[in-house]
Amino acid sequence: MIAHSGDGADGRGRHGTPVTRRSVIGGVAGAGLLEMLAMASPLQHGAMADEPSAGGGERVMFTAEAPHVYTRAQWRARAPRRPAKVRNRAPDHIIVHHTATANSGDLSLAHAFALSRTIQHIHMDKNGWDDAGQQLTISRGGIVMEGRNRSLKAIRAGDLAVGAQVLHHNSHTIGIENEGTYMTRAVPGSLWNSLLEVCVWLCQEYKLDPAKAIIGHRDYNKTSCPGDRLYARLPELRRAVADRLEGSPSSSPNQGNATGDPDPGLPLLPSLDLP
């Protein structure tokens, strides 16, 4: 495995083989990931509601004024291979990703936790990384979860737990994985509202200017992430975050696609960097 690097890694796997999206997809398809397949199955009928599915547990929604991030212990994360490196500095960019998974209609807490476990499984067992690559994950139900180990504590201290989510730019960025595939489909309102709140929170904690700090994965790497539809809304996201930070009365959250759009999706396409 390539060791930690202050400026990210070179995109190679555990044994020196280049990690590509094609190889990742092939590995996932042959891995028998039952949890992922169950997670990716969309609802067959009906619009997506704004309430958790039956038996999914009680959700605590995220607000920047009272941020609630579900911890790794709560979603039952595996132990990382080694602790994340924490830099005594703030990130200068917030990277918006999409997971490129199915646009599930399951908004439950159980589904969100299964999503985080699946991401960690792929990043560790298929890519050979130390842990989940991104620092934060948001489900389509708007549930916000800690990703890479030590991330939540680092954010609250104004520091950066170095992840593996943007090739060659991990040492100065923080990443948010947004569940779903947004090339042609709209972003559901519950996810959009939490993404807005998370970006307000991060800009407050790190004293960032949203006009400069909030960018998409494709701004750094050759990728379609975070999808054409979500990427096209980043200017709107920057303005909404700025309005909130300035206390503007026009800063009420945009509801996005309130009904949702369950549909078949693609296997998870993890980022191409190594810890």
C-alpha atoms as a PDB file:
ATOM      1  CA  MET A   1       0.000   0.000   0.000  1.00  0.00           C
ATOM      2  CA  ILE A   2       1.171   3.510  -0.732  1.00  0.00           C
ATOM      3  CA  ALA A   3       1.748   5.347   2.507  1.00  0.00           C
ATOM      4  CA  HIS A   4       0.185   8.614   3.559  1.00  0.00           C
ATOM      5  CA  SER A   5       1.258  11.566   1.486  1.00  0.00           C
ATOM      6  CA  GLY A   6       0.778  15.197   2.353  1.00  0.00           C
ATOM      7  CA  ASP A   7      -0.524  15.908  -1.136  1.00  0.00           C
ATOM      8  CA  GLY A   8      -2.580  12.810  -1.766  1.00  0.00           C
ATOM      9  CA  ALA A   9      -1.466   9.665  -3.537  1.00  0.00           C
ATOM     10  CA  ASP A  10      -0.926   8.605  -7.092  1.00  0.00           C
ATOM     11  CA  GLY A  11      -4.172   6.721  -7.696  1.00  0.00           C
ATOM     12  CA  ARG A  12      -2.738   3.206  -7.411  1.00  0.00           C
ATOM     13  CA  GLY A  13      -4.110   0.265  -5.522  1.00  0.00           C
ATOM     14  CA  ARG A  14      -2.672  -1.860  -2.775  1.00  0.00           C
ATOM     15  CA  HIS A  15      -0.296  -3.773  -5.031  1.00  0.00           C
ATOM     16  CA  GLY A  16       0.641  -0.953  -7.386  1.00  0.00           C
ATOM     17  CA  THR A  17      -2.151  -1.622  -9.897  1.00  0.00           C
ATOM     18  CA  PRO A  18      -3.852   1.560 -11.128  1.00  0.00           C
ATOM     19  CA  VAL A  19      -7.297   2.036  -9.618  1.00  0.00           C
ATOM     20  CA  THR A  20      -9.744   2.976 -12.367  1.00  0.00           C
ATOM     21  CA  ARG A  21     -13.497   3.413 -12.373  1.00  0.00           C
ATOM     22  CA  ARG A  22     -13.762   0.433 -14.751  1.00  0.00           C
ATOM     23  CA  SER A  23     -11.767  -1.804 -12.414  1.00  0.00           C
ATOM     24  CA  VAL A  24     -13.771  -0.658  -9.401  1.00  0.00           C
ATOM     25  CA  ILE A  25     -17.077  -1.378 -11.127  1.00  0.00           C
ATOM     26  CA  GLY A  26     -15.848  -4.797 -12.188  1.00  0.00           C
ATOM     27  CA  GLY A  27     -14.685  -5.572  -8.681  1.00  0.00           C
ATOM     28  CA  VAL A  28     -17.986  -4.524  -7.195  1.00  0.00           C
ATOM     29  CA  ALA A  29     -20.002  -6.551  -9.687  1.00  0.00           C
ATOM     30  CA  GLY A  30     -18.145  -9.733  -8.790  1.00  0.00           C
ATOM     31  CA  ALA A  31     -17.890  -9.186  -5.068  1.00  0.00           C
ATOM     32  CA  GLY A  32     -21.337 -10.367  -3.994  1.00  0.00           C
ATOM     33  CA  LEU A  33     -22.055  -7.281  -1.943  1.00  0.00           C
ATOM     34  CA  LEU A  34     -25.486  -8.278  -0.703  1.00  0.00           C
ATOM     35  CA  GLU A  35     -25.857  -5.243   1.497  1.00  0.00           C
ATOM     36  CA  MET A  36     -25.060  -2.912  -1.370  1.00  0.00           C
ATOM     37  CA  LEU A  37     -27.485  -4.629  -3.706  1.00  0.00           C
ATOM     38  CA  ALA A  38     -30.238  -4.435  -1.133  1.00  0.00           C
ATOM     39  CA  MET A  39     -29.416  -0.783  -0.530  1.00  0.00           C
ATOM     40  CA  ALA A  40     -29.486   0.029  -4.238  1.00  0.00           C
ATOM     41  CA  SER A  41     -32.937  -1.432  -4.946  1.00  0.00           C
ATOM     42  CA  PRO A  42     -35.316   1.475  -5.558  1.00  0.00           C
ATOM     43  CA  LEU A  43     -38.917   1.676  -4.471  1.00  0.00           C
ATOM     44  CA  GLN A  44     -41.147   0.361  -7.205  1.00  0.00           C
ATOM     45  CA  HIS A  45     -44.155   2.591  -6.634  1.00  0.00           C
ATOM     46  CA  GLY A  46     -45.048   5.970  -5.189  1.00  0.00           C
ATOM     47  CA  ALA A  47     -43.315   9.256  -4.574  1.00  0.00           C
ATOM     48  CA  MET A  48     -40.616   9.615  -1.997  1.00  0.00           C
ATOM     49  CA  ALA A  49     -41.987  11.024   1.258  1.00  0.00           C
ATOM     50  CA  ASP A  50     -40.200  13.280   3.728  1.00  0.00           C
ATOM     51  CA  GLU A  51     -40.655  10.805   6.569  1.00  0.00           C
ATOM     52  CA  PRO A  52     -38.412   7.837   7.435  1.00  0.00           C
ATOM     53  CA  SER A  53     -39.517   4.400   6.320  1.00  0.00           C
ATOM     54  CA  ALA A  54     -41.207   2.167   8.849  1.00  0.00           C
ATOM     55  CA  GLY A  55     -38.782   0.557  11.232  1.00  0.00           C
ATOM     56  CA  GLY A  56     -35.973   2.922  10.263  1.00  0.00           C
ATOM     57  CA  GLY A  57     -35.609   4.558  13.655  1.00  0.00           C
ATOM     58  CA  GLU A  58     -35.944   8.206  14.568  1.00  0.00           C
ATOM     59  CA  ARG A  59     -33.984  10.652  12.454  1.00  0.00           C
ATOM     60  CA  VAL A  60     -32.409  13.774  13.896  1.00  0.00           C
ATOM     61  CA  MET A  61     -32.197  16.302  11.097  1.00  0.00           C
ATOM     62  CA  PHE A  62     -29.131  18.463  10.600  1.00  0.00           C
ATOM     63  CA  THR A  63     -29.154  22.229  11.106  1.00  0.00           C
ATOM     64  CA  ALA A  64     -26.115  24.470  11.127  1.00  0.00           C
ATOM     65  CA  GLU A  65     -27.303  26.082  14.369  1.00  0.00           C
ATOM     66  CA  ALA A  66     -27.525  22.707  16.108  1.00  0.00           C
ATOM     67  CA  PRO A  67     -25.494  20.291  13.966  1.00  0.00           C
ATOM     68  CA  HIS A  68     -26.185  16.621  14.503  1.00  0.00           C
ATOM     69  CA  VAL A  69     -23.776  14.290  12.743  1.00  0.00           C
ATOM     70  CA  TYR A  70     -24.299  10.592  13.302  1.00  0.00           C
ATOM     71  CA  THR A  71     -21.000   9.168  14.465  1.00  0.00           C
ATOM     72  CA  ARG A  72     -19.061   6.205  13.156  1.00  0.00           C
ATOM     73  CA  ALA A  73     -20.025   4.284  16.290  1.00  0.00           C
ATOM     74  CA  GLN A  74     -23.701   4.887  15.539  1.00  0.00           C
ATOM     75  CA  TRP A  75     -23.510   3.507  11.988  1.00  0.00           C
ATOM     76  CA  ARG A  76     -21.227   0.725  13.208  1.00  0.00           C
ATOM     77  CA  ALA A  77     -18.077   1.535  11.278  1.00  0.00           C
ATOM     78  CA  ARG A  78     -15.228  -0.924  11.167  1.00  0.00           C
ATOM     79  CA  ALA A  79     -11.954   0.071  12.742  1.00  0.00           C
ATOM     80  CA  PRO A  80      -9.676   1.828  10.241  1.00  0.00           C
ATOM     81  CA  ARG A  81      -6.356   0.283   9.331  1.00  0.00           C
ATOM     82  CA  ARG A  82      -4.670   3.291  10.889  1.00  0.00           C
ATOM     83  CA  PRO A  83      -5.833   6.596  12.367  1.00  0.00           C
ATOM     84  CA  ALA A  84      -6.374   9.454   9.947  1.00  0.00           C
ATOM     85  CA  LYS A  85      -3.705  12.127   9.860  1.00  0.00           C
ATOM     86  CA  VAL A  86      -5.037  15.357  11.379  1.00  0.00           C
ATOM     87  CA  ARG A  87      -3.596  18.625  10.140  1.00  0.00           C
ATOM     88  CA  ASN A  88      -3.623  21.663  12.398  1.00  0.00           C
ATOM     89  CA  ARG A  89      -5.234  23.807   9.721  1.00  0.00           C
ATOM     90  CA  ALA A  90      -8.562  24.433   8.064  1.00  0.00           C
ATOM     91  CA  PRO A  91      -9.332  23.111   4.587  1.00  0.00           C
ATOM     92  CA  ASP A  92      -9.588  25.753   1.888  1.00  0.00           C
ATOM     93  CA  HIS A  93     -12.208  23.944  -0.227  1.00  0.00           C
ATOM     94  CA  ILE A  94     -15.353  21.926   0.386  1.00  0.00           C
ATOM     95  CA  ILE A  95     -15.681  19.225  -2.285  1.00  0.00           C
ATOM     96  CA  VAL A  96     -19.174  18.126  -3.299  1.00  0.00           C
ATOM     97  CA  HIS A  97     -19.436  14.504  -4.517  1.00  0.00           C
ATOM     98  CA  HIS A  98     -22.199  12.099  -5.474  1.00  0.00           C
ATOM     99  CA  THR A  99     -21.940   8.394  -4.718  1.00  0.00           C
ATOM    100  CA  ALA A 100     -23.189   7.342  -8.189  1.00  0.00           C
ATOM    101  CA  THR A 101     -25.468   4.762  -6.537  1.00  0.00           C
ATOM    102  CA  ALA A 102     -29.184   4.199  -7.134  1.00  0.00           C
ATOM    103  CA  ASN A 103     -31.505   7.077  -6.285  1.00  0.00           C
ATOM    104  CA  SER A 104     -33.158   5.111  -3.518  1.00  0.00           C
ATOM    105  CA  GLY A 105     -36.517   6.112  -2.074  1.00  0.00           C
ATOM    106  CA  ASP A 106     -35.618   4.721   1.353  1.00  0.00           C
ATOM    107  CA  LEU A 107     -35.123   7.709   3.669  1.00  0.00           C
ATOM    108  CA  SER A 108     -34.688   5.671   6.837  1.00  0.00           C
ATOM    109  CA  LEU A 109     -31.892   5.842   9.347  1.00  0.00           C
ATOM    110  CA  ALA A 110     -31.202   2.143   8.796  1.00  0.00           C
ATOM    111  CA  HIS A 111     -30.704   2.728   5.073  1.00  0.00           C
ATOM    112  CA  ALA A 112     -28.387   5.679   5.720  1.00  0.00           C
ATOM    113  CA  PHE A 113     -26.246   3.644   8.098  1.00  0.00           C
ATOM    114  CA  ALA A 114     -26.070   0.771   5.587  1.00  0.00           C
ATOM    115  CA  LEU A 115     -24.915   3.284   2.955  1.00  0.00           C
ATOM    116  CA  SER A 116     -21.998   4.383   5.149  1.00  0.00           C
ATOM    117  CA  ARG A 117     -20.984   0.780   5.822  1.00  0.00           C
ATOM    118  CA  THR A 118     -21.089  -0.027   2.103  1.00  0.00           C
ATOM    119  CA  ILE A 119     -18.932   2.967   1.205  1.00  0.00           C
ATOM    120  CA  GLN A 120     -16.395   2.005   3.859  1.00  0.00           C
ATOM    121  CA  HIS A 121     -16.404  -1.618   2.670  1.00  0.00           C
ATOM    122  CA  ILE A 122     -15.619  -0.642  -0.914  1.00  0.00           C
ATOM    123  CA  HIS A 123     -13.019   1.957  -0.011  1.00  0.00           C
ATOM    124  CA  MET A 124     -11.174  -0.413   2.325  1.00  0.00           C
ATOM    125  CA  ASP A 125     -11.659  -3.833   0.742  1.00  0.00           C
ATOM    126  CA  LYS A 126     -11.766  -2.971  -2.946  1.00  0.00           C
ATOM    127  CA  ASN A 127      -9.523   0.081  -3.101  1.00  0.00           C
ATOM    128  CA  GLY A 128      -7.228  -1.006  -0.265  1.00  0.00           C
ATOM    129  CA  TRP A 129      -7.524   2.326   1.543  1.00  0.00           C
ATOM    130  CA  ASP A 130      -7.156   2.875   5.271  1.00  0.00           C
ATOM    131  CA  ASP A 131     -10.806   3.827   5.757  1.00  0.00           C
ATOM    132  CA  ALA A 132     -13.739   5.544   4.058  1.00  0.00           C
ATOM    133  CA  GLY A 133     -12.329   8.310   1.901  1.00  0.00           C
ATOM    134  CA  GLN A 134     -14.723  11.208   2.546  1.00  0.00           C
ATOM    135  CA  GLN A 135     -15.140  13.117   5.796  1.00  0.00           C
ATOM    136  CA  LEU A 136     -18.942  13.443   5.658  1.00  0.00           C
ATOM    137  CA  THR A 137     -21.804  11.550   4.014  1.00  0.00           C
ATOM    138  CA  ILE A 138     -25.398  12.701   3.395  1.00  0.00           C
ATOM    139  CA  SER A 139     -28.138  10.201   2.567  1.00  0.00           C
ATOM    140  CA  ARG A 140     -31.034  10.986   0.240  1.00  0.00           C
ATOM    141  CA  GLY A 141     -33.122  11.321   3.385  1.00  0.00           C
ATOM    142  CA  GLY A 142     -30.888  14.174   4.545  1.00  0.00           C
ATOM    143  CA  ILE A 143     -29.108  12.187   7.250  1.00  0.00           C
ATOM    144  CA  VAL A 144     -25.569  13.441   7.886  1.00  0.00           C
ATOM    145  CA  MET A 145     -22.886  10.978   8.986  1.00  0.00           C
ATOM    146  CA  GLU A 146     -19.208  11.050   9.831  1.00  0.00           C
ATOM    147  CA  GLY A 147     -17.067   9.277   7.234  1.00  0.00           C
ATOM    148  CA  ARG A 148     -13.321   9.040   7.751  1.00  0.00           C
ATOM    149  CA  ASN A 149     -12.207   8.471  11.320  1.00  0.00           C
ATOM    150  CA  ARG A 150     -11.393  11.553  13.436  1.00  0.00           C
ATOM    151  CA  SER A 151     -13.289  13.826  11.016  1.00  0.00           C
ATOM    152  CA  LEU A 152     -15.980  15.099  13.376  1.00  0.00           C
ATOM    153  CA  LYS A 153     -13.588  15.924  16.197  1.00  0.00           C
ATOM    154  CA  ALA A 154     -11.246  17.645  13.738  1.00  0.00           C
ATOM    155  CA  ILE A 155     -14.035  19.812  12.293  1.00  0.00           C
ATOM    156  CA  ARG A 156     -15.103  20.946  15.755  1.00  0.00           C
ATOM    157  CA  ALA A 157     -11.489  21.873  16.518  1.00  0.00           C
ATOM    158  CA  GLY A 158     -11.038  23.774  13.250  1.00  0.00           C
ATOM    159  CA  ASP A 159      -8.616  21.117  11.984  1.00  0.00           C
ATOM    160  CA  LEU A 160      -8.631  18.734   9.007  1.00  0.00           C
ATOM    161  CA  ALA A 161      -8.680  14.944   9.156  1.00  0.00           C
ATOM    162  CA  VAL A 162      -7.004  14.100   5.853  1.00  0.00           C
ATOM    163  CA  GLY A 163      -9.181  11.893   3.671  1.00  0.00           C
ATOM    164  CA  ALA A 164      -8.877  10.229   0.275  1.00  0.00           C
ATOM    165  CA  GLN A 165     -11.504  11.870  -1.864  1.00  0.00           C
ATOM    166  CA  VAL A 166      -9.753  14.170  -4.371  1.00  0.00           C
ATOM    167  CA  LEU A 167      -6.640  12.997  -6.199  1.00  0.00           C
ATOM    168  CA  HIS A 168      -3.600  15.127  -5.284  1.00  0.00           C
ATOM    169  CA  HIS A 169      -5.720  17.541  -3.200  1.00  0.00           C
ATOM    170  CA  ASN A 170      -6.521  15.628  -0.020  1.00  0.00           C
ATOM    171  CA  SER A 171      -4.224  17.659   2.218  1.00  0.00           C
ATOM    172  CA  HIS A 172      -6.244  20.863   1.913  1.00  0.00           C
ATOM    173  CA  THR A 173      -9.854  19.818   1.147  1.00  0.00           C
ATOM    174  CA  ILE A 174     -12.836  18.309   2.941  1.00  0.00           C
ATOM    175  CA  GLY A 175     -15.277  16.069   1.068  1.00  0.00           C
ATOM    176  CA  ILE A 176     -19.042  15.499   1.264  1.00  0.00           C
ATOM    177  CA  GLU A 177     -20.488  12.353  -0.357  1.00  0.00           C
ATOM    178  CA  ASN A 178     -24.123  12.850  -1.393  1.00  0.00           C
ATOM    179  CA  GLU A 179     -26.066   9.654  -1.937  1.00  0.00           C
ATOM    180  CA  GLY A 180     -27.399   9.162  -5.457  1.00  0.00           C
ATOM    181  CA  THR A 181     -26.662   9.739  -9.123  1.00  0.00           C
ATOM    182  CA  TYR A 182     -27.297  13.265 -10.385  1.00  0.00           C
ATOM    183  CA  MET A 183     -26.345  13.248 -14.044  1.00  0.00           C
ATOM    184  CA  THR A 184     -29.959  13.622 -15.201  1.00  0.00           C
ATOM    185  CA  ARG A 185     -32.012  13.319 -12.018  1.00  0.00           C
ATOM    186  CA  ALA A 186     -32.858  16.176  -9.657  1.00  0.00           C
ATOM    187  CA  VAL A 187     -31.514  16.360  -6.115  1.00  0.00           C
ATOM    188  CA  PRO A 188     -34.192  15.509  -3.512  1.00  0.00           C
ATOM    189  CA  GLY A 189     -35.182  18.328  -1.185  1.00  0.00           C
ATOM    190  CA  SER A 190     -34.191  16.497   2.001  1.00  0.00           C
ATOM    191  CA  LEU A 191     -30.631  15.942   0.740  1.00  0.00           C
ATOM    192  CA  TRP A 192     -30.348  19.475  -0.669  1.00  0.00           C
ATOM    193  CA  ASN A 193     -31.464  21.060   2.597  1.00  0.00           C
ATOM    194  CA  SER A 194     -28.908  19.081   4.601  1.00  0.00           C
ATOM    195  CA  LEU A 195     -26.157  19.843   2.076  1.00  0.00           C
ATOM    196  CA  LEU A 196     -26.925  23.540   2.473  1.00  0.00           C
ATOM    197  CA  GLU A 197     -26.850  23.269   6.262  1.00  0.00           C
ATOM    198  CA  VAL A 198     -23.613  21.261   6.245  1.00  0.00           C
ATOM    199  CA  CYS A 199     -21.908  23.832   4.019  1.00  0.00           C
ATOM    200  CA  VAL A 200     -23.090  26.668   6.281  1.00  0.00           C
ATOM    201  CA  TRP A 201     -21.710  24.757   9.265  1.00  0.00           C
ATOM    202  CA  LEU A 202     -18.346  24.056   7.624  1.00  0.00           C
ATOM    203  CA  CYS A 203     -17.965  27.641   6.415  1.00  0.00           C
ATOM    204  CA  GLN A 204     -18.701  28.846   9.952  1.00  0.00           C
ATOM    205  CA  GLU A 205     -16.292  26.403  11.580  1.00  0.00           C
ATOM    206  CA  TYR A 206     -13.482  27.073   9.115  1.00  0.00           C
ATOM    207  CA  LYS A 207     -14.206  30.750   8.319  1.00  0.00           C
ATOM    208  CA  LEU A 208     -14.516  30.018   4.598  1.00  0.00           C
ATOM    209  CA  ASP A 209     -15.988  32.173   1.847  1.00  0.00           C
ATOM    210  CA  PRO A 210     -18.604  29.937   0.162  1.00  0.00           C
ATOM    211  CA  ALA A 211     -18.176  31.743  -3.157  1.00  0.00           C
ATOM    212  CA  LYS A 212     -14.628  30.420  -3.346  1.00  0.00           C
ATOM    213  CA  ALA A 213     -14.672  27.352  -1.122  1.00  0.00           C
ATOM    214  CA  ILE A 214     -17.576  25.219  -2.421  1.00  0.00           C
ATOM    215  CA  ILE A 215     -16.640  23.300  -5.566  1.00  0.00           C
ATOM    216  CA  GLY A 216     -17.367  19.993  -7.282  1.00  0.00           C
ATOM    217  CA  HIS A 217     -15.122  16.962  -7.556  1.00  0.00           C
ATOM    218  CA  ARG A 218     -14.800  17.573 -11.321  1.00  0.00           C
ATOM    219  CA  ASP A 219     -13.166  20.944 -10.640  1.00  0.00           C
ATOM    220  CA  TYR A 220     -10.048  19.091  -9.492  1.00  0.00           C
ATOM    221  CA  ASN A 221     -10.162  15.698 -11.211  1.00  0.00           C
ATOM    222  CA  LYS A 222     -11.322  14.280 -14.534  1.00  0.00           C
ATOM    223  CA  THR A 223     -14.667  12.859 -13.458  1.00  0.00           C
ATOM    224  CA  SER A 224     -18.404  13.381 -13.948  1.00  0.00           C
ATOM    225  CA  CYS A 225     -18.848  13.679 -10.170  1.00  0.00           C
ATOM    226  CA  PRO A 226     -21.028  15.161  -8.644  1.00  0.00           C
ATOM    227  CA  GLY A 227     -23.283  14.744 -11.681  1.00  0.00           C
ATOM    228  CA  ASP A 228     -24.422  17.397 -14.140  1.00  0.00           C
ATOM    229  CA  ARG A 229     -27.612  18.307 -12.275  1.00  0.00           C
ATOM    230  CA  LEU A 230     -25.987  18.705  -8.852  1.00  0.00           C
ATOM    231  CA  TYR A 231     -22.945  20.447 -10.304  1.00  0.00           C
ATOM    232  CA  ALA A 232     -25.198  22.962 -12.086  1.00  0.00           C
ATOM    233  CA  ARG A 233     -26.724  23.892  -8.730  1.00  0.00           C
ATOM    234  CA  LEU A 234     -23.423  24.710  -7.010  1.00  0.00           C
ATOM    235  CA  PRO A 235     -23.706  28.457  -7.805  1.00  0.00           C
ATOM    236  CA  GLU A 236     -27.136  28.372  -6.140  1.00  0.00           C
ATOM    237  CA  LEU A 237     -25.627  26.520  -3.181  1.00  0.00           C
ATOM    238  CA  ARG A 238     -22.865  29.103  -2.793  1.00  0.00           C
ATOM    239  CA  ARG A 239     -25.382  31.954  -2.821  1.00  0.00           C
ATOM    240  CA  ALA A 240     -27.700  30.224  -0.343  1.00  0.00           C
ATOM    241  CA  VAL A 241     -24.819  29.548   2.058  1.00  0.00           C
ATOM    242  CA  ALA A 242     -23.630  33.150   1.770  1.00  0.00           C
ATOM    243  CA  ASP A 243     -27.162  34.395   2.497  1.00  0.00           C
ATOM    244  CA  ARG A 244     -27.332  32.230   5.606  1.00  0.00           C
ATOM    245  CA  LEU A 245     -23.948  33.406   6.823  1.00  0.00           C
ATOM    246  CA  GLU A 246     -25.008  37.020   6.322  1.00  0.00           C
ATOM    247  CA  GLY A 247     -28.361  36.462   8.011  1.00  0.00           C
ATOM    248  CA  SER A 248     -30.342  37.372   4.919  1.00  0.00           C
ATOM    249  CA  PRO A 249     -34.139  36.890   5.203  1.00  0.00           C
ATOM    250  CA  SER A 250     -34.088  35.427   1.680  1.00  0.00           C
ATOM    251  CA  SER A 251     -32.040  32.439   2.776  1.00  0.00           C
ATOM    252  CA  SER A 252     -34.779  29.866   3.341  1.00  0.00           C
ATOM    253  CA  PRO A 253     -33.656  26.431   2.096  1.00  0.00           C
ATOM    254  CA  ASN A 254     -34.554  25.471  -1.454  1.00  0.00           C
ATOM    255  CA  GLN A 255     -36.706  22.352  -1.410  1.00  0.00           C
ATOM    256  CA  GLY A 256     -35.129  20.771  -4.486  1.00  0.00           C
ATOM    257  CA  ASN A 257     -37.076  17.837  -5.890  1.00  0.00           C
ATOM    258  CA  ALA A 258     -39.571  17.392  -3.075  1.00  0.00           C
ATOM    259  CA  THR A 259     -41.086  14.194  -4.431  1.00  0.00           C
ATOM    260  CA  GLY A 260     -37.795  12.457  -5.149  1.00  0.00           C
ATOM    261  CA  ASP A 261     -37.097  10.197  -8.069  1.00  0.00           C
ATOM    262  CA  PRO A 262     -36.373   6.557  -7.192  1.00  0.00           C
ATOM    263  CA  ASP A 263     -34.712   4.892 -10.156  1.00  0.00           C
ATOM    264  CA  PRO A 264     -32.067   2.284 -10.964  1.00  0.00           C
ATOM    265  CA  GLY A 265     -28.543   3.571 -10.529  1.00  0.00           C
ATOM    266  CA  LEU A 266     -24.925   2.646 -10.958  1.00  0.00           C
ATOM    267  CA  PRO A 267     -22.547   0.834  -8.613  1.00  0.00           C
ATOM    268  CA  LEU A 268     -20.693   3.073  -6.205  1.00  0.00           C
ATOM    269  CA  LEU A 269     -17.855   4.879  -7.960  1.00  0.00           C
ATOM    270  CA  PRO A 270     -15.342   5.664  -5.233  1.00  0.00           C
ATOM    271  CA  SER A 271     -12.824   8.456  -5.646  1.00  0.00           C
ATOM    272  CA  LEU A 272      -9.509   7.613  -7.240  1.00  0.00           C
ATOM    273  CA  ASP A 273      -7.149   8.592  -4.423  1.00  0.00           C
ATOM    274  CA  LEU A 274      -5.375   6.642  -1.730  1.00  0.00           C
ATOM    275  CA  PRO A 275      -4.834   7.604   1.908  1.00  0.00           C
END
